[in-house]
Amino acid sequence: MEQDKDYILPFEPSNWEKWKRSIMIFILSQNITKDTQKQAIILHRGGQELQDIFFGIPEHGNPPDGTTVFQHTINLLDQHFIPKVNPVFERHVFRKIRQEVNESVGQFISKLG
C-alpha cells in the first residue's frame, strides 16, 4: 500500500481540484466503500493543513439529512477551496476588453471566449 501513496499528489490548497481527483481515483482503485473510511483517507492524506481547515469549518459535524459523511466533507471542502465567481465584476472585466492595434480579429475573438 505504501507504493500507492506515490501516485497521490501532495496536498496543495491552490490545486484542490486535481488533488481531489487523485484521491477519488485512489479510493475507487482500492474499492473503499465505507463513507467514514473515505473521509478518513481524504483527511489523512491531506495532512495536518487540510485537517485544520476541515475541523475549523463550523458545519463539519453532522451532515444534513440525505447527505453522507463523505459527501458532506467534500461539499464543505469544495466550498472552502473553489473560488467564488462575482458575476458583476466578471461582466465589468468583459465589457472593458478592447481589440489591440496589433491583434487580429481571430485573436480578439479567442480572448473573448
PDB file of N, CA and C in Angstrom:
ATOM      1  N   MET A   1       0.827  -1.199   0.000  1.00  0.00           N
ATOM      2  CA  MET A   1       0.000   0.000   0.000  1.00  0.00           C
ATOM      3  C   MET A   1       0.864   1.253   0.000  1.00  0.00           C
ATOM      4  N   GLU A   2       2.070   1.183   0.531  1.00  0.00           N
ATOM      5  CA  GLU A   2       2.956   2.342   0.553  1.00  0.00           C
ATOM      6  C   GLU A   2       3.265   2.803  -0.865  1.00  0.00           C
ATOM      7  N   GLN A   3       3.315   1.864  -1.805  1.00  0.00           N
ATOM      8  CA  GLN A   3       3.594   2.205  -3.191  1.00  0.00           C
ATOM      9  C   GLN A   3       2.494   3.102  -3.756  1.00  0.00           C
ATOM     10  N   ASP A   4       1.227   2.874  -3.376  1.00  0.00           N
ATOM     11  CA  ASP A   4       0.109   3.669  -3.875  1.00  0.00           C
ATOM     12  C   ASP A   4       0.223   5.130  -3.468  1.00  0.00           C
ATOM     13  N   LYS A   5       0.848   5.387  -2.338  1.00  0.00           N
ATOM     14  CA  LYS A   5       0.959   6.751  -1.827  1.00  0.00           C
ATOM     15  C   LYS A   5       1.665   7.671  -2.819  1.00  0.00           C
ATOM     16  N   ASP A   6       2.613   7.119  -3.602  1.00  0.00           N
ATOM     17  CA  ASP A   6       3.367   7.918  -4.555  1.00  0.00           C
ATOM     18  C   ASP A   6       2.498   8.464  -5.684  1.00  0.00           C
ATOM     19  N   TYR A   7       1.373   7.866  -5.930  1.00  0.00           N
ATOM     20  CA  TYR A   7       0.526   8.292  -7.039  1.00  0.00           C
ATOM     21  C   TYR A   7      -0.439   9.404  -6.654  1.00  0.00           C
ATOM     22  N   ILE A   8      -0.517   9.730  -5.377  1.00  0.00           N
ATOM     23  CA  ILE A   8      -1.391  10.810  -4.928  1.00  0.00           C
ATOM     24  C   ILE A   8      -0.565  12.082  -4.835  1.00  0.00           C
ATOM     25  N   LEU A   9      -1.033  13.113  -5.501  1.00  0.00           N
ATOM     26  CA  LEU A   9      -0.338  14.391  -5.456  1.00  0.00           C
ATOM     27  C   LEU A   9      -0.257  14.891  -4.021  1.00  0.00           C
ATOM     28  N   PRO A  10       0.814  15.594  -3.660  1.00  0.00           N
ATOM     29  CA  PRO A  10       0.841  16.209  -2.327  1.00  0.00           C
ATOM     30  C   PRO A  10      -0.262  17.261  -2.238  1.00  0.00           C
ATOM     31  N   PHE A  11      -0.872  17.374  -1.077  1.00  0.00           N
ATOM     32  CA  PHE A  11      -1.953  18.343  -0.916  1.00  0.00           C
ATOM     33  C   PHE A  11      -1.420  19.759  -1.056  1.00  0.00           C
ATOM     34  N   GLU A  12      -2.080  20.513  -1.901  1.00  0.00           N
ATOM     35  CA  GLU A  12      -1.751  21.920  -2.130  1.00  0.00           C
ATOM     36  C   GLU A  12      -3.084  22.657  -2.260  1.00  0.00           C
ATOM     37  N   PRO A  13      -3.395  23.588  -1.329  1.00  0.00           N
ATOM     38  CA  PRO A  13      -4.699  24.262  -1.378  1.00  0.00           C
ATOM     39  C   PRO A  13      -5.033  24.884  -2.733  1.00  0.00           C
ATOM     40  N   SER A  14      -4.036  25.405  -3.431  1.00  0.00           N
ATOM     41  CA  SER A  14      -4.309  26.037  -4.722  1.00  0.00           C
ATOM     42  C   SER A  14      -4.570  25.008  -5.817  1.00  0.00           C
ATOM     43  N   ASN A  15      -4.346  23.741  -5.514  1.00  0.00           N
ATOM     44  CA  ASN A  15      -4.519  22.680  -6.500  1.00  0.00           C
ATOM     45  C   ASN A  15      -5.598  21.694  -6.051  1.00  0.00           C
ATOM     46  N   TRP A  16      -6.594  22.199  -5.340  1.00  0.00           N
ATOM     47  CA  TRP A  16      -7.624  21.358  -4.720  1.00  0.00           C
ATOM     48  C   TRP A  16      -8.293  20.409  -5.707  1.00  0.00           C
ATOM     49  N   GLU A  17      -8.718  20.898  -6.865  1.00  0.00           N
ATOM     50  CA  GLU A  17      -9.471  20.065  -7.815  1.00  0.00           C
ATOM     51  C   GLU A  17      -8.647  18.863  -8.289  1.00  0.00           C
ATOM     52  N   LYS A  18      -7.385  19.090  -8.632  1.00  0.00           N
ATOM     53  CA  LYS A  18      -6.537  17.985  -9.090  1.00  0.00           C
ATOM     54  C   LYS A  18      -6.248  17.016  -7.948  1.00  0.00           C
ATOM     55  N   TRP A  19      -5.999  17.554  -6.769  1.00  0.00           N
ATOM     56  CA  TRP A  19      -5.715  16.688  -5.630  1.00  0.00           C
ATOM     57  C   TRP A  19      -6.940  15.839  -5.295  1.00  0.00           C
ATOM     58  N   LYS A  20      -8.107  16.468  -5.313  1.00  0.00           N
ATOM     59  CA  LYS A  20      -9.354  15.745  -5.019  1.00  0.00           C
ATOM     60  C   LYS A  20      -9.573  14.627  -6.048  1.00  0.00           C
ATOM     61  N   ARG A  21      -9.321  14.924  -7.311  1.00  0.00           N
ATOM     62  CA  ARG A  21      -9.470  13.901  -8.356  1.00  0.00           C
ATOM     63  C   ARG A  21      -8.522  12.727  -8.093  1.00  0.00           C
ATOM     64  N   SER A  22      -7.301  13.023  -7.713  1.00  0.00           N
ATOM     65  CA  SER A  22      -6.310  11.991  -7.419  1.00  0.00           C
ATOM     66  C   SER A  22      -6.765  11.104  -6.265  1.00  0.00           C
ATOM     67  N   ILE A  23      -7.277  11.726  -5.213  1.00  0.00           N
ATOM     68  CA  ILE A  23      -7.773  10.971  -4.050  1.00  0.00           C
ATOM     69  C   ILE A  23      -8.988  10.123  -4.424  1.00  0.00           C
ATOM     70  N   MET A  24      -9.886  10.675  -5.211  1.00  0.00           N
ATOM     71  CA  MET A  24     -11.093   9.934  -5.611  1.00  0.00           C
ATOM     72  C   MET A  24     -10.713   8.701  -6.434  1.00  0.00           C
ATOM     73  N   ILE A  25      -9.723   8.850  -7.305  1.00  0.00           N
ATOM     74  CA  ILE A  25      -9.265   7.704  -8.096  1.00  0.00           C
ATOM     75  C   ILE A  25      -8.632   6.658  -7.176  1.00  0.00           C
ATOM     76  N   PHE A  26      -7.853   7.111  -6.196  1.00  0.00           N
ATOM     77  CA  PHE A  26      -7.247   6.181  -5.244  1.00  0.00           C
ATOM     78  C   PHE A  26      -8.322   5.416  -4.480  1.00  0.00           C
ATOM     79  N   ILE A  27      -9.326   6.115  -3.974  1.00  0.00           N
ATOM     80  CA  ILE A  27     -10.408   5.471  -3.215  1.00  0.00           C
ATOM     81  C   ILE A  27     -11.133   4.441  -4.079  1.00  0.00           C
ATOM     82  N   LEU A  28     -11.398   4.805  -5.318  1.00  0.00           N
ATOM     83  CA  LEU A  28     -12.065   3.880  -6.244  1.00  0.00           C
ATOM     84  C   LEU A  28     -11.184   2.671  -6.532  1.00  0.00           C
ATOM     85  N   SER A  29      -9.888   2.904  -6.754  1.00  0.00           N
ATOM     86  CA  SER A  29      -8.975   1.801  -7.078  1.00  0.00           C
ATOM     87  C   SER A  29      -8.810   0.827  -5.914  1.00  0.00           C
ATOM     88  N   GLN A  30      -8.984   1.308  -4.695  1.00  0.00           N
ATOM     89  CA  GLN A  30      -8.849   0.458  -3.516  1.00  0.00           C
ATOM     90  C   GLN A  30     -10.178  -0.178  -3.105  1.00  0.00           C
ATOM     91  N   ASN A  31     -11.234   0.126  -3.865  1.00  0.00           N
ATOM     92  CA  ASN A  31     -12.569  -0.429  -3.617  1.00  0.00           C
ATOM     93  C   ASN A  31     -13.050  -0.117  -2.193  1.00  0.00           C
ATOM     94  N   ILE A  32     -12.821   1.112  -1.774  1.00  0.00           N
ATOM     95  CA  ILE A  32     -13.238   1.557  -0.444  1.00  0.00           C
ATOM     96  C   ILE A  32     -14.675   2.051  -0.552  1.00  0.00           C
ATOM     97  N   THR A  33     -15.567   1.478   0.249  1.00  0.00           N
ATOM     98  CA  THR A  33     -16.981   1.815   0.122  1.00  0.00           C
ATOM     99  C   THR A  33     -17.565   2.496   1.362  1.00  0.00           C
ATOM    100  N   LYS A  34     -16.936   2.346   2.513  1.00  0.00           N
ATOM    101  CA  LYS A  34     -17.466   2.966   3.733  1.00  0.00           C
ATOM    102  C   LYS A  34     -17.187   4.470   3.718  1.00  0.00           C
ATOM    103  N   ASP A  35     -18.232   5.252   3.950  1.00  0.00           N
ATOM    104  CA  ASP A  35     -18.101   6.706   3.924  1.00  0.00           C
ATOM    105  C   ASP A  35     -17.124   7.242   4.954  1.00  0.00           C
ATOM    106  N   THR A  36     -17.169   6.691   6.155  1.00  0.00           N
ATOM    107  CA  THR A  36     -16.260   7.180   7.191  1.00  0.00           C
ATOM    108  C   THR A  36     -14.809   6.868   6.835  1.00  0.00           C
ATOM    109  N   GLN A  37     -14.593   5.754   6.174  1.00  0.00           N
ATOM    110  CA  GLN A  37     -13.239   5.391   5.754  1.00  0.00           C
ATOM    111  C   GLN A  37     -12.768   6.325   4.627  1.00  0.00           C
ATOM    112  N   LYS A  38     -13.654   6.655   3.699  1.00  0.00           N
ATOM    113  CA  LYS A  38     -13.318   7.598   2.625  1.00  0.00           C
ATOM    114  C   LYS A  38     -12.945   8.958   3.221  1.00  0.00           C
ATOM    115  N   GLN A  39     -13.736   9.410   4.179  1.00  0.00           N
ATOM    116  CA  GLN A  39     -13.458  10.688   4.828  1.00  0.00           C
ATOM    117  C   GLN A  39     -12.101  10.643   5.528  1.00  0.00           C
ATOM    118  N   ALA A  40     -11.827   9.562   6.214  1.00  0.00           N
ATOM    119  CA  ALA A  40     -10.558   9.428   6.932  1.00  0.00           C
ATOM    120  C   ALA A  40      -9.372   9.441   5.970  1.00  0.00           C
ATOM    121  N   ILE A  41      -9.525   8.808   4.815  1.00  0.00           N
ATOM    122  CA  ILE A  41      -8.437   8.787   3.833  1.00  0.00           C
ATOM    123  C   ILE A  41      -8.157  10.196   3.320  1.00  0.00           C
ATOM    124  N   ILE A  42      -9.211  10.922   2.992  1.00  0.00           N
ATOM    125  CA  ILE A  42      -9.010  12.297   2.492  1.00  0.00           C
ATOM    126  C   ILE A  42      -8.314  13.148   3.539  1.00  0.00           C
ATOM    127  N   LEU A  43      -8.783  13.090   4.761  1.00  0.00           N
ATOM    128  CA  LEU A  43      -8.198  13.928   5.808  1.00  0.00           C
ATOM    129  C   LEU A  43      -6.778  13.478   6.164  1.00  0.00           C
ATOM    130  N   HIS A  44      -6.549  12.183   6.163  1.00  0.00           N
ATOM    131  CA  HIS A  44      -5.209  11.675   6.472  1.00  0.00           C
ATOM    132  C   HIS A  44      -4.218  12.036   5.370  1.00  0.00           C
ATOM    133  N   ARG A  45      -4.581  11.777   4.129  1.00  0.00           N
ATOM    134  CA  ARG A  45      -3.679  12.042   3.003  1.00  0.00           C
ATOM    135  C   ARG A  45      -3.479  13.540   2.778  1.00  0.00           C
ATOM    136  N   GLY A  46      -4.451  14.339   3.172  1.00  0.00           N
ATOM    137  CA  GLY A  46      -4.315  15.790   3.048  1.00  0.00           C
ATOM    138  C   GLY A  46      -3.382  16.382   4.088  1.00  0.00           C
ATOM    139  N   GLY A  47      -3.177  15.646   5.163  1.00  0.00           N
ATOM    140  CA  GLY A  47      -2.251  16.083   6.193  1.00  0.00           C
ATOM    141  C   GLY A  47      -2.858  17.074   7.170  1.00  0.00           C
ATOM    142  N   GLN A  48      -1.991  17.575   8.037  1.00  0.00           N
ATOM    143  CA  GLN A  48      -2.407  18.461   9.121  1.00  0.00           C
ATOM    144  C   GLN A  48      -3.075  19.733   8.605  1.00  0.00           C
ATOM    145  N   GLU A  49      -2.567  20.288   7.509  1.00  0.00           N
ATOM    146  CA  GLU A  49      -3.137  21.531   6.982  1.00  0.00           C
ATOM    147  C   GLU A  49      -4.598  21.349   6.585  1.00  0.00           C
ATOM    148  N   LEU A  50      -4.892  20.275   5.862  1.00  0.00           N
ATOM    149  CA  LEU A  50      -6.273  20.021   5.448  1.00  0.00           C
ATOM    150  C   LEU A  50      -7.149  19.694   6.652  1.00  0.00           C
ATOM    151  N   GLN A  51      -6.632  18.955   7.600  1.00  0.00           N
ATOM    152  CA  GLN A  51      -7.391  18.630   8.805  1.00  0.00           C
ATOM    153  C   GLN A  51      -7.740  19.890   9.587  1.00  0.00           C
ATOM    154  N   ASP A  52      -6.778  20.796   9.732  1.00  0.00           N
ATOM    155  CA  ASP A  52      -7.042  22.052  10.440  1.00  0.00           C
ATOM    156  C   ASP A  52      -8.126  22.868   9.746  1.00  0.00           C
ATOM    157  N   ILE A  53      -8.078  22.889   8.421  1.00  0.00           N
ATOM    158  CA  ILE A  53      -9.098  23.624   7.660  1.00  0.00           C
ATOM    159  C   ILE A  53     -10.465  22.985   7.869  1.00  0.00           C
ATOM    160  N   PHE A  54     -10.536  21.660   7.696  1.00  0.00           N
ATOM    161  CA  PHE A  54     -11.816  20.968   7.801  1.00  0.00           C
ATOM    162  C   PHE A  54     -12.433  21.106   9.190  1.00  0.00           C
ATOM    163  N   PHE A  55     -11.646  20.846  10.222  1.00  0.00           N
ATOM    164  CA  PHE A  55     -12.192  20.909  11.577  1.00  0.00           C
ATOM    165  C   PHE A  55     -12.412  22.347  12.039  1.00  0.00           C
ATOM    166  N   GLY A  56     -11.899  23.307  11.298  1.00  0.00           N
ATOM    167  CA  GLY A  56     -12.149  24.720  11.584  1.00  0.00           C
ATOM    168  C   GLY A  56     -13.444  25.227  10.972  1.00  0.00           C
ATOM    169  N   ILE A  57     -14.058  24.437  10.089  1.00  0.00           N
ATOM    170  CA  ILE A  57     -15.335  24.802   9.481  1.00  0.00           C
ATOM    171  C   ILE A  57     -16.437  24.439  10.476  1.00  0.00           C
ATOM    172  N   PRO A  58     -17.232  25.422  10.909  1.00  0.00           N
ATOM    173  CA  PRO A  58     -18.241  25.153  11.945  1.00  0.00           C
ATOM    174  C   PRO A  58     -19.220  24.023  11.597  1.00  0.00           C
ATOM    175  N   GLU A  59     -19.557  23.855  10.334  1.00  0.00           N
ATOM    176  CA  GLU A  59     -20.550  22.845   9.938  1.00  0.00           C
ATOM    177  C   GLU A  59     -19.956  21.459   9.739  1.00  0.00           C
ATOM    178  N   HIS A  60     -18.720  21.214  10.136  1.00  0.00           N
ATOM    179  CA  HIS A  60     -18.075  19.936   9.828  1.00  0.00           C
ATOM    180  C   HIS A  60     -18.700  18.748  10.558  1.00  0.00           C
ATOM    181  N   GLY A  61     -19.448  18.974  11.593  1.00  0.00           N
ATOM    182  CA  GLY A  61     -20.006  17.897  12.414  1.00  0.00           C
ATOM    183  C   GLY A  61     -20.962  16.982  11.697  1.00  0.00           C
ATOM    184  N   ASN A  62     -22.236  17.179  11.930  1.00  0.00           N
ATOM    185  CA  ASN A  62     -23.253  16.276  11.385  1.00  0.00           C
ATOM    186  C   ASN A  62     -23.674  16.702   9.988  1.00  0.00           C
ATOM    187  N   PRO A  63     -23.659  15.753   9.042  1.00  0.00           N
ATOM    188  CA  PRO A  63     -24.123  16.089   7.683  1.00  0.00           C
ATOM    189  C   PRO A  63     -25.636  16.287   7.666  1.00  0.00           C
ATOM    190  N   PRO A  64     -26.108  17.131   6.754  1.00  0.00           N
ATOM    191  CA  PRO A  64     -27.565  17.306   6.631  1.00  0.00           C
ATOM    192  C   PRO A  64     -28.230  16.001   6.175  1.00  0.00           C
ATOM    193  N   ASP A  65     -29.523  15.892   6.433  1.00  0.00           N
ATOM    194  CA  ASP A  65     -30.268  14.689   6.034  1.00  0.00           C
ATOM    195  C   ASP A  65     -30.090  14.421   4.546  1.00  0.00           C
ATOM    196  N   GLY A  66     -29.902  13.164   4.211  1.00  0.00           N
ATOM    197  CA  GLY A  66     -29.770  12.768   2.821  1.00  0.00           C
ATOM    198  C   GLY A  66     -28.353  12.919   2.278  1.00  0.00           C
ATOM    199  N   THR A  67     -27.421  13.407   3.093  1.00  0.00           N
ATOM    200  CA  THR A  67     -26.038  13.573   2.663  1.00  0.00           C
ATOM    201  C   THR A  67     -25.153  12.656   3.485  1.00  0.00           C
ATOM    202  N   THR A  68     -24.284  11.925   2.815  1.00  0.00           N
ATOM    203  CA  THR A  68     -23.373  11.036   3.536  1.00  0.00           C
ATOM    204  C   THR A  68     -22.257  11.852   4.181  1.00  0.00           C
ATOM    205  N   VAL A  69     -21.571  11.246   5.131  1.00  0.00           N
ATOM    206  CA  VAL A  69     -20.449  11.898   5.809  1.00  0.00           C
ATOM    207  C   VAL A  69     -19.391  12.301   4.784  1.00  0.00           C
ATOM    208  N   PHE A  70     -19.110  11.402   3.854  1.00  0.00           N
ATOM    209  CA  PHE A  70     -18.093  11.664   2.833  1.00  0.00           C
ATOM    210  C   PHE A  70     -18.513  12.815   1.918  1.00  0.00           C
ATOM    211  N   GLN A  71     -19.747  12.781   1.441  1.00  0.00           N
ATOM    212  CA  GLN A  71     -20.218  13.843   0.540  1.00  0.00           C
ATOM    213  C   GLN A  71     -20.259  15.188   1.259  1.00  0.00           C
ATOM    214  N   HIS A  72     -20.638  15.164   2.519  1.00  0.00           N
ATOM    215  CA  HIS A  72     -20.655  16.392   3.320  1.00  0.00           C
ATOM    216  C   HIS A  72     -19.235  16.957   3.439  1.00  0.00           C
ATOM    217  N   THR A  73     -18.265  16.086   3.675  1.00  0.00           N
ATOM    218  CA  THR A  73     -16.869  16.513   3.764  1.00  0.00           C
ATOM    219  C   THR A  73     -16.417  17.144   2.458  1.00  0.00           C
ATOM    220  N   ILE A  74     -16.715  16.479   1.346  1.00  0.00           N
ATOM    221  CA  ILE A  74     -16.329  17.003   0.025  1.00  0.00           C
ATOM    222  C   ILE A  74     -17.022  18.337  -0.237  1.00  0.00           C
ATOM    223  N   ASN A  75     -18.320  18.436   0.070  1.00  0.00           N
ATOM    224  CA  ASN A  75     -19.059  19.683  -0.150  1.00  0.00           C
ATOM    225  C   ASN A  75     -18.446  20.845   0.629  1.00  0.00           C
ATOM    226  N   LEU A  76     -18.127  20.603   1.892  1.00  0.00           N
ATOM    227  CA  LEU A  76     -17.542  21.666   2.716  1.00  0.00           C
ATOM    228  C   LEU A  76     -16.178  22.096   2.193  1.00  0.00           C
ATOM    229  N   LEU A  77     -15.353  21.125   1.811  1.00  0.00           N
ATOM    230  CA  LEU A  77     -14.025  21.456   1.300  1.00  0.00           C
ATOM    231  C   LEU A  77     -14.107  22.144  -0.072  1.00  0.00           C
ATOM    232  N   ASP A  78     -15.059  21.715  -0.905  1.00  0.00           N
ATOM    233  CA  ASP A  78     -15.272  22.411  -2.187  1.00  0.00           C
ATOM    234  C   ASP A  78     -15.652  23.868  -1.942  1.00  0.00           C
ATOM    235  N   GLN A  79     -16.570  24.089  -1.010  1.00  0.00           N
ATOM    236  CA  GLN A  79     -16.984  25.463  -0.701  1.00  0.00           C
ATOM    237  C   GLN A  79     -15.812  26.294  -0.212  1.00  0.00           C
ATOM    238  N   HIS A  80     -14.908  25.659   0.501  1.00  0.00           N
ATOM    239  CA  HIS A  80     -13.758  26.380   1.036  1.00  0.00           C
ATOM    240  C   HIS A  80     -12.718  26.685  -0.041  1.00  0.00           C
ATOM    241  N   PHE A  81     -12.431  25.725  -0.921  1.00  0.00           N
ATOM    242  CA  PHE A  81     -11.310  25.852  -1.848  1.00  0.00           C
ATOM    243  C   PHE A  81     -11.659  26.391  -3.233  1.00  0.00           C
ATOM    244  N   ILE A  82     -12.860  26.125  -3.727  1.00  0.00           N
ATOM    245  CA  ILE A  82     -13.202  26.561  -5.087  1.00  0.00           C
ATOM    246  C   ILE A  82     -13.532  28.043  -5.051  1.00  0.00           C
ATOM    247  N   PRO A  83     -12.834  28.825  -5.873  1.00  0.00           N
ATOM    248  CA  PRO A  83     -13.048  30.281  -5.849  1.00  0.00           C
ATOM    249  C   PRO A  83     -14.485  30.654  -6.221  1.00  0.00           C
ATOM    250  N   LYS A  84     -14.976  31.669  -5.571  1.00  0.00           N
ATOM    251  CA  LYS A  84     -16.313  32.184  -5.858  1.00  0.00           C
ATOM    252  C   LYS A  84     -16.225  33.107  -7.077  1.00  0.00           C
ATOM    253  N   VAL A  85     -17.257  33.109  -7.889  1.00  0.00           N
ATOM    254  CA  VAL A  85     -17.303  33.961  -9.070  1.00  0.00           C
ATOM    255  C   VAL A  85     -18.228  35.136  -8.774  1.00  0.00           C
ATOM    256  N   ASN A  86     -17.741  36.331  -9.073  1.00  0.00           N
ATOM    257  CA  ASN A  86     -18.541  37.536  -8.905  1.00  0.00           C
ATOM    258  C   ASN A  86     -19.023  37.970 -10.291  1.00  0.00           C
ATOM    259  N   PRO A  87     -20.286  37.659 -10.643  1.00  0.00           N
ATOM    260  CA  PRO A  87     -20.778  37.942 -11.990  1.00  0.00           C
ATOM    261  C   PRO A  87     -20.715  39.426 -12.364  1.00  0.00           C
ATOM    262  N   VAL A  88     -20.961  40.305 -11.408  1.00  0.00           N
ATOM    263  CA  VAL A  88     -20.935  41.746 -11.698  1.00  0.00           C
ATOM    264  C   VAL A  88     -19.525  42.166 -12.103  1.00  0.00           C
ATOM    265  N   PHE A  89     -18.532  41.710 -11.355  1.00  0.00           N
ATOM    266  CA  PHE A  89     -17.144  42.047 -11.677  1.00  0.00           C
ATOM    267  C   PHE A  89     -16.719  41.415 -12.999  1.00  0.00           C
ATOM    268  N   GLU A  90     -17.096  40.156 -13.221  1.00  0.00           N
ATOM    269  CA  GLU A  90     -16.741  39.473 -14.472  1.00  0.00           C
ATOM    270  C   GLU A  90     -17.352  40.190 -15.673  1.00  0.00           C
ATOM    271  N   ARG A  91     -18.572  40.660 -15.546  1.00  0.00           N
ATOM    272  CA  ARG A  91     -19.222  41.410 -16.619  1.00  0.00           C
ATOM    273  C   ARG A  91     -18.468  42.714 -16.883  1.00  0.00           C
ATOM    274  N   HIS A  92     -18.050  43.377 -15.823  1.00  0.00           N
ATOM    275  CA  HIS A  92     -17.286  44.620 -15.942  1.00  0.00           C
ATOM    276  C   HIS A  92     -15.976  44.375 -16.697  1.00  0.00           C
ATOM    277  N   VAL A  93     -15.264  43.338 -16.329  1.00  0.00           N
ATOM    278  CA  VAL A  93     -13.997  42.999 -16.991  1.00  0.00           C
ATOM    279  C   VAL A  93     -14.244  42.676 -18.464  1.00  0.00           C
ATOM    280  N   PHE A  94     -15.285  41.912 -18.749  1.00  0.00           N
ATOM    281  CA  PHE A  94     -15.605  41.547 -20.125  1.00  0.00           C
ATOM    282  C   PHE A  94     -15.894  42.783 -20.974  1.00  0.00           C
ATOM    283  N   ARG A  95     -16.652  43.706 -20.424  1.00  0.00           N
ATOM    284  CA  ARG A  95     -17.020  44.908 -21.189  1.00  0.00           C
ATOM    285  C   ARG A  95     -15.846  45.850 -21.427  1.00  0.00           C
ATOM    286  N   LYS A  96     -14.807  45.720 -20.636  1.00  0.00           N
ATOM    287  CA  LYS A  96     -13.624  46.571 -20.808  1.00  0.00           C
ATOM    288  C   LYS A  96     -12.640  46.024 -21.845  1.00  0.00           C
ATOM    289  N   ILE A  97     -12.882  44.810 -22.334  1.00  0.00           N
ATOM    290  CA  ILE A  97     -11.968  44.213 -23.306  1.00  0.00           C
ATOM    291  C   ILE A  97     -12.044  44.981 -24.621  1.00  0.00           C
ATOM    292  N   ARG A  98     -10.880  45.351 -25.127  1.00  0.00           N
ATOM    293  CA  ARG A  98     -10.778  46.071 -26.406  1.00  0.00           C
ATOM    294  C   ARG A  98      -9.781  45.343 -27.293  1.00  0.00           C
ATOM    295  N   GLN A  99     -10.010  45.422 -28.588  1.00  0.00           N
ATOM    296  CA  GLN A  99      -9.077  44.818 -29.528  1.00  0.00           C
ATOM    297  C   GLN A  99      -7.827  45.694 -29.622  1.00  0.00           C
ATOM    298  N   GLU A 100      -6.672  45.049 -29.444  1.00  0.00           N
ATOM    299  CA  GLU A 100      -5.403  45.764 -29.541  1.00  0.00           C
ATOM    300  C   GLU A 100      -5.088  46.071 -31.002  1.00  0.00           C
ATOM    301  N   VAL A 101      -4.249  47.076 -31.232  1.00  0.00           N
ATOM    302  CA  VAL A 101      -3.887  47.502 -32.592  1.00  0.00           C
ATOM    303  C   VAL A 101      -3.231  46.358 -33.363  1.00  0.00           C
ATOM    304  N   ASN A 102      -2.332  45.619 -32.736  1.00  0.00           N
ATOM    305  CA  ASN A 102      -1.612  44.544 -33.425  1.00  0.00           C
ATOM    306  C   ASN A 102      -2.287  43.178 -33.276  1.00  0.00           C
ATOM    307  N   GLU A 103      -3.540  43.160 -32.868  1.00  0.00           N
ATOM    308  CA  GLU A 103      -4.274  41.920 -32.618  1.00  0.00           C
ATOM    309  C   GLU A 103      -5.226  41.627 -33.773  1.00  0.00           C
ATOM    310  N   SER A 104      -5.156  40.392 -34.307  1.00  0.00           N
ATOM    311  CA  SER A 104      -6.071  40.013 -35.391  1.00  0.00           C
ATOM    312  C   SER A 104      -7.471  39.820 -34.823  1.00  0.00           C
ATOM    313  N   VAL A 105      -8.440  39.775 -35.741  1.00  0.00           N
ATOM    314  CA  VAL A 105      -9.833  39.541 -35.332  1.00  0.00           C
ATOM    315  C   VAL A 105      -9.952  38.177 -34.660  1.00  0.00           C
ATOM    316  N   GLY A 106      -9.272  37.174 -35.201  1.00  0.00           N
ATOM    317  CA  GLY A 106      -9.300  35.831 -34.628  1.00  0.00           C
ATOM    318  C   GLY A 106      -8.737  35.799 -33.221  1.00  0.00           C
ATOM    319  N   GLN A 107      -7.643  36.503 -32.986  1.00  0.00           N
ATOM    320  CA  GLN A 107      -7.040  36.563 -31.652  1.00  0.00           C
ATOM    321  C   GLN A 107      -7.995  37.275 -30.677  1.00  0.00           C
ATOM    322  N   PHE A 108      -8.624  38.347 -31.149  1.00  0.00           N
ATOM    323  CA  PHE A 108      -9.551  39.084 -30.293  1.00  0.00           C
ATOM    324  C   PHE A 108     -10.749  38.216 -29.919  1.00  0.00           C
ATOM    325  N   ILE A 109     -11.282  37.479 -30.885  1.00  0.00           N
ATOM    326  CA  ILE A 109     -12.425  36.612 -30.610  1.00  0.00           C
ATOM    327  C   ILE A 109     -12.035  35.513 -29.629  1.00  0.00           C
ATOM    328  N   SER A 110     -10.816  34.982 -29.763  1.00  0.00           N
ATOM    329  CA  SER A 110     -10.331  33.961 -28.818  1.00  0.00           C
ATOM    330  C   SER A 110     -10.250  34.534 -27.417  1.00  0.00           C
ATOM    331  N   LYS A 111      -9.812  35.796 -27.308  1.00  0.00           N
ATOM    332  CA  LYS A 111      -9.698  36.444 -25.999  1.00  0.00           C
ATOM    333  C   LYS A 111     -11.079  36.620 -25.357  1.00  0.00           C
ATOM    334  N   LEU A 112     -12.106  36.802 -26.169  1.00  0.00           N
ATOM    335  CA  LEU A 112     -13.462  36.977 -25.650  1.00  0.00           C
ATOM    336  C   LEU A 112     -14.021  35.696 -25.048  1.00  0.00           C
ATOM    337  N   GLY A 113     -13.576  34.556 -25.568  1.00  0.00           N
ATOM    338  CA  GLY A 113     -14.108  33.270 -25.130  1.00  0.00           C
ATOM    339  C   GLY A 113     -13.543  32.862 -23.854  1.00  0.00           C
TER     340      GLY A 113
END
